[in-house]
Amino acid sequence: MPIVVRLDLMLARRKVKSRDLAEFVGITEANMSLLKHGKIRGVRFDTLEKICAYLDCQPGDLLCYVPEDAPGS
């Protein structure tokens, strides 16, 4: 998939537990885990907004486009 979720990296940089972020955002820890590992097909803008607010980051800090034909993909 060309869109890579880098939420796990941002959580580590901010020293935030995914459990705490899930509670703030209002989603289950299971759904946060799916999001963190890129096992989702989409994310609601309001969810993305809450994540960015909590982590003090931009959506581009969490999502990265990697073309499928790029070396190493």
Protein backbone atom coordinates (compact mmCIF):
# COMPACT_ATOMS: atom_id res chain seq x y z
CA MET A 1 0.00 0.00 0.00
CA PRO A 2 1.48 3.37 -0.99
CA ILE A 3 0.35 5.15 2.22
CA VAL A 4 2.46 4.22 5.23
CA VAL A 5 1.23 5.02 8.76
CA ARG A 6 4.02 6.28 11.02
CA LEU A 7 1.93 6.64 14.19
CA ASP A 8 4.17 4.22 16.07
CA LEU A 9 7.19 6.44 15.43
CA MET A 10 5.36 9.56 16.62
CA LEU A 11 4.15 7.79 19.76
CA ALA A 12 7.74 6.79 20.55
CA ARG A 13 9.06 10.32 19.88
CA ARG A 14 6.44 11.86 22.15
CA LYS A 15 6.78 9.06 24.74
CA VAL A 16 3.02 8.52 24.66
CA LYS A 17 1.29 5.19 25.29
CA SER A 18 -1.18 4.12 22.63
CA ARG A 19 -3.65 3.35 25.45
CA ASP A 20 -3.63 7.01 26.54
CA LEU A 21 -4.03 8.23 22.97
CA ALA A 22 -6.90 5.81 22.32
CA GLU A 23 -8.71 7.08 25.42
CA PHE A 24 -8.25 10.72 24.36
CA VAL A 25 -9.39 10.06 20.79
CA GLY A 26 -12.33 7.93 21.89
CA ILE A 27 -11.48 4.69 20.10
CA THR A 28 -10.71 1.23 21.44
CA GLU A 29 -7.17 0.10 22.10
CA ALA A 30 -7.72 -2.61 19.47
CA ASN A 31 -8.60 -0.02 16.83
CA MET A 32 -5.64 2.12 17.88
CA SER A 33 -3.39 -0.91 17.42
CA LEU A 34 -4.79 -1.52 13.93
CA LEU A 35 -4.21 2.13 13.06
CA LYS A 36 -0.71 2.10 14.54
CA HIS A 37 0.28 -0.93 12.47
CA GLY A 38 -1.26 0.35 9.23
CA LYS A 39 -3.90 -2.39 9.10
CA ILE A 40 -6.72 0.02 8.24
CA ARG A 41 -8.28 1.15 4.99
CA GLY A 42 -9.20 4.64 6.13
CA VAL A 43 -9.29 7.08 9.00
CA ARG A 44 -11.89 9.72 9.81
CA PHE A 45 -10.70 13.31 9.70
CA ASP A 46 -12.02 13.96 13.21
CA THR A 47 -9.96 11.01 14.49
CA LEU A 48 -6.89 12.29 12.68
CA GLU A 49 -7.52 15.78 14.10
CA LYS A 50 -7.66 14.46 17.68
CA ILE A 51 -4.50 12.41 17.19
CA CYS A 52 -2.65 15.45 15.84
CA ALA A 53 -3.91 17.63 18.69
CA TYR A 54 -2.79 15.13 21.34
CA LEU A 55 0.61 14.49 19.76
CA ASP A 56 1.13 18.14 18.71
CA CYS A 57 1.92 17.16 15.13
CA GLN A 58 0.70 17.50 11.55
CA PRO A 59 -1.04 14.78 9.48
CA GLY A 60 2.10 14.56 7.34
CA ASP A 61 4.03 13.49 10.44
CA LEU A 62 1.76 10.45 10.69
CA LEU A 63 1.25 9.50 7.04
CA CYS A 64 3.80 9.00 4.31
CA TYR A 65 3.35 8.27 0.59
CA VAL A 66 5.70 5.60 -0.77
CA PRO A 67 5.05 4.67 -4.41
CA GLU A 68 4.66 0.92 -4.94
CA ASP A 69 7.34 0.93 -7.62
CA ALA A 70 9.88 2.64 -5.33
CA PRO A 71 13.07 0.69 -4.56
CA GLY A 72 12.67 -1.41 -1.43
CA SER A 73 8.87 -1.42 -1.46
